[in-house]
All heavy atoms as atom14 arrays in JSON, in Angstrom:
{
  "sequence": "EAAEPFDCIILAVKAYHLPLLQPDLAPYI",
  "atom14_mask": [
    [1, 1, 1, 1, 1, 1, 1, 1, 1, 0, 0, 0, 0, 0],
    [1, 1, 1, 1, 1, 0, 0, 0, 0, 0, 0, 0, 0, 0],
    [1, 1, 1, 1, 1, 0, 0, 0, 0, 0, 0, 0, 0, 0],
    [1, 1, 1, 1, 1, 1, 1, 1, 1, 0, 0, 0, 0, 0],
    [1, 1, 1, 1, 1, 1, 1, 0, 0, 0, 0, 0, 0, 0],
    [1, 1, 1, 1, 1, 1, 1, 1, 1, 1, 1, 0, 0, 0],
    [1, 1, 1, 1, 1, 1, 1, 1, 0, 0, 0, 0, 0, 0],
    [1, 1, 1, 1, 1, 1, 0, 0, 0, 0, 0, 0, 0, 0],
    [1, 1, 1, 1, 1, 1, 1, 1, 0, 0, 0, 0, 0, 0],
    [1, 1, 1, 1, 1, 1, 1, 1, 0, 0, 0, 0, 0, 0],
    [1, 1, 1, 1, 1, 1, 1, 1, 0, 0, 0, 0, 0, 0],
    [1, 1, 1, 1, 1, 0, 0, 0, 0, 0, 0, 0, 0, 0],
    [1, 1, 1, 1, 1, 1, 1, 0, 0, 0, 0, 0, 0, 0],
    [1, 1, 1, 1, 1, 1, 1, 1, 1, 0, 0, 0, 0, 0],
    [1, 1, 1, 1, 1, 0, 0, 0, 0, 0, 0, 0, 0, 0],
    [1, 1, 1, 1, 1, 1, 1, 1, 1, 1, 1, 1, 0, 0],
    [1, 1, 1, 1, 1, 1, 1, 1, 1, 1, 0, 0, 0, 0],
    [1, 1, 1, 1, 1, 1, 1, 1, 0, 0, 0, 0, 0, 0],
    [1, 1, 1, 1, 1, 1, 1, 0, 0, 0, 0, 0, 0, 0],
    [1, 1, 1, 1, 1, 1, 1, 1, 0, 0, 0, 0, 0, 0],
    [1, 1, 1, 1, 1, 1, 1, 1, 0, 0, 0, 0, 0, 0],
    [1, 1, 1, 1, 1, 1, 1, 1, 1, 0, 0, 0, 0, 0],
    [1, 1, 1, 1, 1, 1, 1, 0, 0, 0, 0, 0, 0, 0],
    [1, 1, 1, 1, 1, 1, 1, 1, 0, 0, 0, 0, 0, 0],
    [1, 1, 1, 1, 1, 1, 1, 1, 0, 0, 0, 0, 0, 0],
    [1, 1, 1, 1, 1, 0, 0, 0, 0, 0, 0, 0, 0, 0],
    [1, 1, 1, 1, 1, 1, 1, 0, 0, 0, 0, 0, 0, 0],
    [1, 1, 1, 1, 1, 1, 1, 1, 1, 1, 1, 1, 0, 0],
    [1, 1, 1, 1, 1, 1, 1, 1, 0, 0, 0, 0, 0, 0]
  ],
  "atom14_positions": [
    [[-47.33, -25.98, -8.59], [-47.85, -27.31, -8.22], [-49.19, -27.11, -7.53], [-49.39, -26.22, -6.72], [-46.88, -27.99, -7.28], [-47.13, -29.45, -7.07], [-45.99, -30.13, -6.32], [-44.84, -29.65, -6.39], [-46.26, -31.15, -5.66], [0.0, 0.0, 0.0], [0.0, 0.0, 0.0], [0.0, 0.0, 0.0], [0.0, 0.0, 0.0], [0.0, 0.0, 0.0]],
    [[-50.14, -27.94, -7.88], [-51.52, -27.78, -7.39], [-51.65, -28.09, -5.92], [-51.01, -29.05, -5.39], [-52.47, -28.7, -8.18], [0.0, 0.0, 0.0], [0.0, 0.0, 0.0], [0.0, 0.0, 0.0], [0.0, 0.0, 0.0], [0.0, 0.0, 0.0], [0.0, 0.0, 0.0], [0.0, 0.0, 0.0], [0.0, 0.0, 0.0], [0.0, 0.0, 0.0]],
    [[-52.43, -27.31, -5.21], [-52.74, -27.52, -3.79], [-53.97, -26.7, -3.47], [-54.22, -25.67, -4.08], [-51.58, -27.13, -2.91], [0.0, 0.0, 0.0], [0.0, 0.0, 0.0], [0.0, 0.0, 0.0], [0.0, 0.0, 0.0], [0.0, 0.0, 0.0], [0.0, 0.0, 0.0], [0.0, 0.0, 0.0], [0.0, 0.0, 0.0], [0.0, 0.0, 0.0]],
    [[-54.74, -27.19, -2.5], [-55.91, -26.44, -2.04], [-55.43, -25.18, -1.3], [-54.32, -25.12, -0.76], [-56.75, -27.29, -1.12], [-57.43, -28.46, -1.77], [-58.46, -28.01, -2.79], [-59.26, -27.09, -2.46], [-58.5, -28.57, -3.91], [0.0, 0.0, 0.0], [0.0, 0.0, 0.0], [0.0, 0.0, 0.0], [0.0, 0.0, 0.0], [0.0, 0.0, 0.0]],
    [[-56.27, -24.12, -1.28], [-55.9, -22.91, -0.54], [-55.56, -23.23, 0.92], [-56.14, -24.14, 1.52], [-57.13, -22.03, -0.65], [-57.8, -22.48, -1.91], [-57.56, -23.95, -1.99], [0.0, 0.0, 0.0], [0.0, 0.0, 0.0], [0.0, 0.0, 0.0], [0.0, 0.0, 0.0], [0.0, 0.0, 0.0], [0.0, 0.0, 0.0], [0.0, 0.0, 0.0]],
    [[-54.63, -22.47, 1.46], [-54.2, -22.69, 2.83], [-54.87, -21.68, 3.77], [-55.35, -20.64, 3.38], [-52.67, -22.55, 2.93], [-51.95, -23.68, 2.2], [-51.72, -23.62, 0.82], [-51.5, -24.77, 2.9], [-51.06, -24.65, 0.19], [-50.83, -25.81, 2.26], [-50.63, -25.75, 0.9], [0.0, 0.0, 0.0], [0.0, 0.0, 0.0], [0.0, 0.0, 0.0]],
    [[-54.84, -22.04, 5.05], [-55.45, -21.15, 6.08], [-54.51, -19.99, 6.41], [-54.96, -18.88, 6.66], [-55.76, -21.93, 7.34], [-56.76, -23.05, 7.08], [-57.83, -22.76, 6.51], [-56.45, -24.21, 7.42], [0.0, 0.0, 0.0], [0.0, 0.0, 0.0], [0.0, 0.0, 0.0], [0.0, 0.0, 0.0], [0.0, 0.0, 0.0], [0.0, 0.0, 0.0]],
    [[-53.21, -20.25, 6.46], [-52.24, -19.24, 6.78], [-50.99, -19.43, 5.92], [-50.44, -20.53, 5.85], [-51.85, -19.27, 8.27], [-50.63, -18.02, 8.73], [0.0, 0.0, 0.0], [0.0, 0.0, 0.0], [0.0, 0.0, 0.0], [0.0, 0.0, 0.0], [0.0, 0.0, 0.0], [0.0, 0.0, 0.0], [0.0, 0.0, 0.0], [0.0, 0.0, 0.0]],
    [[-50.57, -18.35, 5.27], [-49.35, -18.36, 4.48], [-48.3, -17.51, 5.21], [-48.51, -16.32, 5.41], [-49.58, -17.83, 3.07], [-50.55, -18.77, 2.3], [-48.28, -17.69, 2.32], [-50.88, -18.33, 0.91], [0.0, 0.0, 0.0], [0.0, 0.0, 0.0], [0.0, 0.0, 0.0], [0.0, 0.0, 0.0], [0.0, 0.0, 0.0], [0.0, 0.0, 0.0]],
    [[-47.22, -18.15, 5.63], [-46.12, -17.45, 6.28], [-45.07, -17.14, 5.24], [-44.49, -18.05, 4.61], [-45.51, -18.3, 7.41], [-46.55, -18.58, 8.48], [-44.28, -17.6, 8.02], [-46.07, -19.48, 9.61], [0.0, 0.0, 0.0], [0.0, 0.0, 0.0], [0.0, 0.0, 0.0], [0.0, 0.0, 0.0], [0.0, 0.0, 0.0], [0.0, 0.0, 0.0]],
    [[-44.79, -15.83, 5.03], [-43.82, -15.38, 4.08], [-42.47, -15.2, 4.74], [-42.33, -14.4, 5.67], [-44.23, -14.06, 3.44], [-45.46, -14.08, 2.51], [-45.73, -12.66, 2.02], [-45.25, -15.0, 1.33], [0.0, 0.0, 0.0], [0.0, 0.0, 0.0], [0.0, 0.0, 0.0], [0.0, 0.0, 0.0], [0.0, 0.0, 0.0], [0.0, 0.0, 0.0]],
    [[-41.48, -15.95, 4.32], [-40.14, -15.9, 4.93], [-39.1, -15.9, 3.81], [-38.24, -16.75, 3.72], [-39.92, -17.06, 5.85], [0.0, 0.0, 0.0], [0.0, 0.0, 0.0], [0.0, 0.0, 0.0], [0.0, 0.0, 0.0], [0.0, 0.0, 0.0], [0.0, 0.0, 0.0], [0.0, 0.0, 0.0], [0.0, 0.0, 0.0], [0.0, 0.0, 0.0]],
    [[-39.2, -14.86, 2.93], [-38.29, -14.69, 1.83], [-37.63, -13.32, 1.9], [-38.09, -12.45, 2.68], [-39.0, -14.84, 0.49], [-39.58, -16.25, 0.32], [-40.11, -13.81, 0.34], [0.0, 0.0, 0.0], [0.0, 0.0, 0.0], [0.0, 0.0, 0.0], [0.0, 0.0, 0.0], [0.0, 0.0, 0.0], [0.0, 0.0, 0.0], [0.0, 0.0, 0.0]],
    [[-36.62, -13.09, 1.12], [-36.03, -11.78, 1.02], [-36.96, -10.84, 0.26], [-37.65, -11.27, -0.67], [-34.67, -11.86, 0.33], [-33.61, -12.62, 1.1], [-33.22, -11.88, 2.38], [-32.05, -12.58, 3.08], [-31.64, -11.89, 4.31], [0.0, 0.0, 0.0], [0.0, 0.0, 0.0], [0.0, 0.0, 0.0], [0.0, 0.0, 0.0], [0.0, 0.0, 0.0]],
    [[-36.94, -9.56, 0.6], [-37.87, -8.62, 0.04], [-37.74, -8.49, -1.49], [-38.73, -8.25, -2.21], [-37.69, -7.26, 0.7], [0.0, 0.0, 0.0], [0.0, 0.0, 0.0], [0.0, 0.0, 0.0], [0.0, 0.0, 0.0], [0.0, 0.0, 0.0], [0.0, 0.0, 0.0], [0.0, 0.0, 0.0], [0.0, 0.0, 0.0], [0.0, 0.0, 0.0]],
    [[-36.51, -8.65, -2.0], [-36.31, -8.49, -3.45], [-36.95, -9.63, -4.26], [-37.08, -9.52, -5.45], [-34.84, -8.33, -3.8], [-33.89, -9.29, -3.1], [-33.79, -10.63, -3.47], [-33.09, -8.84, -2.06], [-32.93, -11.48, -2.82], [-32.22, -9.71, -1.4], [-32.13, -11.02, -1.8], [-31.3, -11.88, -1.12], [0.0, 0.0, 0.0], [0.0, 0.0, 0.0]],
    [[-37.36, -10.72, -3.59], [-38.06, -11.78, -4.3], [-39.57, -11.55, -4.4], [-40.26, -12.2, -5.19], [-37.82, -13.12, -3.56], [-36.44, -13.67, -3.68], [-35.76, -13.76, -4.88], [-35.6, -14.13, -2.73], [-34.55, -14.27, -4.66], [-34.45, -14.49, -3.37], [0.0, 0.0, 0.0], [0.0, 0.0, 0.0], [0.0, 0.0, 0.0], [0.0, 0.0, 0.0]],
    [[-40.1, -10.66, -3.56], [-41.55, -10.55, -3.38], [-42.29, -10.15, -4.65], [-43.35, -10.74, -4.94], [-41.85, -9.58, -2.23], [-43.28, -9.6, -1.71], [-43.67, -11.0, -1.22], [-43.42, -8.61, -0.55], [0.0, 0.0, 0.0], [0.0, 0.0, 0.0], [0.0, 0.0, 0.0], [0.0, 0.0, 0.0], [0.0, 0.0, 0.0], [0.0, 0.0, 0.0]],
    [[-41.83, -9.16, -5.43], [-42.61, -8.77, -6.63], [-42.88, -9.91, -7.58], [-44.0, -10.05, -8.12], [-41.77, -7.66, -7.24], [-40.99, -7.07, -6.11], [-40.68, -8.25, -5.22], [0.0, 0.0, 0.0], [0.0, 0.0, 0.0], [0.0, 0.0, 0.0], [0.0, 0.0, 0.0], [0.0, 0.0, 0.0], [0.0, 0.0, 0.0], [0.0, 0.0, 0.0]],
    [[-41.88, -10.75, -7.81], [-42.06, -11.87, -8.73], [-42.83, -13.04, -8.08], [-43.42, -13.85, -8.78], [-40.7, -12.36, -9.23], [-39.91, -11.4, -10.13], [-38.57, -11.99, -10.49], [-40.7, -11.07, -11.4], [0.0, 0.0, 0.0], [0.0, 0.0, 0.0], [0.0, 0.0, 0.0], [0.0, 0.0, 0.0], [0.0, 0.0, 0.0], [0.0, 0.0, 0.0]],
    [[-42.78, -13.09, -6.76], [-43.39, -14.19, -6.04], [-44.9, -14.03, -5.9], [-45.66, -15.05, -5.9], [-42.79, -14.27, -4.63], [-43.33, -15.27, -3.65], [-43.11, -16.68, -4.17], [-42.68, -15.1, -2.29], [0.0, 0.0, 0.0], [0.0, 0.0, 0.0], [0.0, 0.0, 0.0], [0.0, 0.0, 0.0], [0.0, 0.0, 0.0], [0.0, 0.0, 0.0]],
    [[-45.39, -12.81, -5.81], [-46.81, -12.59, -5.5], [-47.78, -13.29, -6.46], [-48.73, -13.93, -6.02], [-47.1, -11.09, -5.45], [-46.55, -10.43, -4.17], [-46.77, -8.93, -4.11], [-46.91, -8.36, -3.05], [-46.79, -8.26, -5.27], [0.0, 0.0, 0.0], [0.0, 0.0, 0.0], [0.0, 0.0, 0.0], [0.0, 0.0, 0.0], [0.0, 0.0, 0.0]],
    [[-47.54, -13.25, -7.77], [-48.47, -13.97, -8.67], [-48.48, -15.46, -8.43], [-49.52, -16.12, -8.59], [-47.93, -13.64, -10.06], [-47.15, -12.39, -9.89], [-46.56, -12.45, -8.53], [0.0, 0.0, 0.0], [0.0, 0.0, 0.0], [0.0, 0.0, 0.0], [0.0, 0.0, 0.0], [0.0, 0.0, 0.0], [0.0, 0.0, 0.0], [0.0, 0.0, 0.0]],
    [[-47.34, -16.02, -8.02], [-47.27, -17.47, -7.79], [-48.03, -17.91, -6.56], [-48.36, -19.08, -6.41], [-45.79, -17.88, -7.62], [-44.99, -17.72, -8.88], [-45.59, -17.93, -9.97], [-43.79, -17.43, -8.82], [0.0, 0.0, 0.0], [0.0, 0.0, 0.0], [0.0, 0.0, 0.0], [0.0, 0.0, 0.0], [0.0, 0.0, 0.0], [0.0, 0.0, 0.0]],
    [[-48.28, -16.96, -5.64], [-49.02, -17.3, -4.41], [-50.54, -17.35, -4.62], [-51.24, -17.99, -3.82], [-48.71, -16.28, -3.31], [-47.28, -16.26, -2.76], [-47.15, -15.17, -1.7], [-46.93, -17.61, -2.19], [0.0, 0.0, 0.0], [0.0, 0.0, 0.0], [0.0, 0.0, 0.0], [0.0, 0.0, 0.0], [0.0, 0.0, 0.0], [0.0, 0.0, 0.0]],
    [[-51.02, -16.66, -5.65], [-52.45, -16.5, -5.82], [-53.24, -17.83, -5.78], [-54.31, -17.88, -5.16], [-52.71, -15.75, -7.13], [0.0, 0.0, 0.0], [0.0, 0.0, 0.0], [0.0, 0.0, 0.0], [0.0, 0.0, 0.0], [0.0, 0.0, 0.0], [0.0, 0.0, 0.0], [0.0, 0.0, 0.0], [0.0, 0.0, 0.0], [0.0, 0.0, 0.0]],
    [[-52.77, -18.91, -6.42], [-53.58, -20.16, -6.39], [-53.73, -20.76, -4.99], [-54.64, -21.6, -4.78], [-52.78, -21.12, -7.3], [-51.95, -20.23, -8.14], [-51.59, -19.07, -7.28], [0.0, 0.0, 0.0], [0.0, 0.0, 0.0], [0.0, 0.0, 0.0], [0.0, 0.0, 0.0], [0.0, 0.0, 0.0], [0.0, 0.0, 0.0], [0.0, 0.0, 0.0]],
    [[-52.89, -20.38, -4.04], [-52.91, -20.97, -2.73], [-53.67, -20.11, -1.71], [-53.72, -20.44, -0.51], [-51.48, -21.21, -2.23], [-50.62, -21.95, -3.23], [-49.5, -21.36, -3.77], [-50.98, -23.23, -3.66], [-48.75, -22.03, -4.72], [-50.22, -23.89, -4.6], [-49.08, -23.29, -5.1], [-48.35, -23.96, -6.06], [0.0, 0.0, 0.0], [0.0, 0.0, 0.0]],
    [[-54.28, -19.04, -2.18], [-54.98, -18.12, -1.31], [-56.48, -18.22, -1.55], [-56.95, -18.0, -2.66], [-54.5, -16.68, -1.52], [-53.03, -16.58, -1.13], [-55.32, -15.66, -0.74], [-52.4, -15.21, -1.39], [0.0, 0.0, 0.0], [0.0, 0.0, 0.0], [0.0, 0.0, 0.0], [0.0, 0.0, 0.0], [0.0, 0.0, 0.0], [0.0, 0.0, 0.0]]
  ]
}
């Protein structure tokens, strides 16, 4: 979902989700 980049991204997920999650974060950084 579209959104402007954020000032701070707080990651609060389980570690096993992180590899698949990282590409999804790129548009918000």
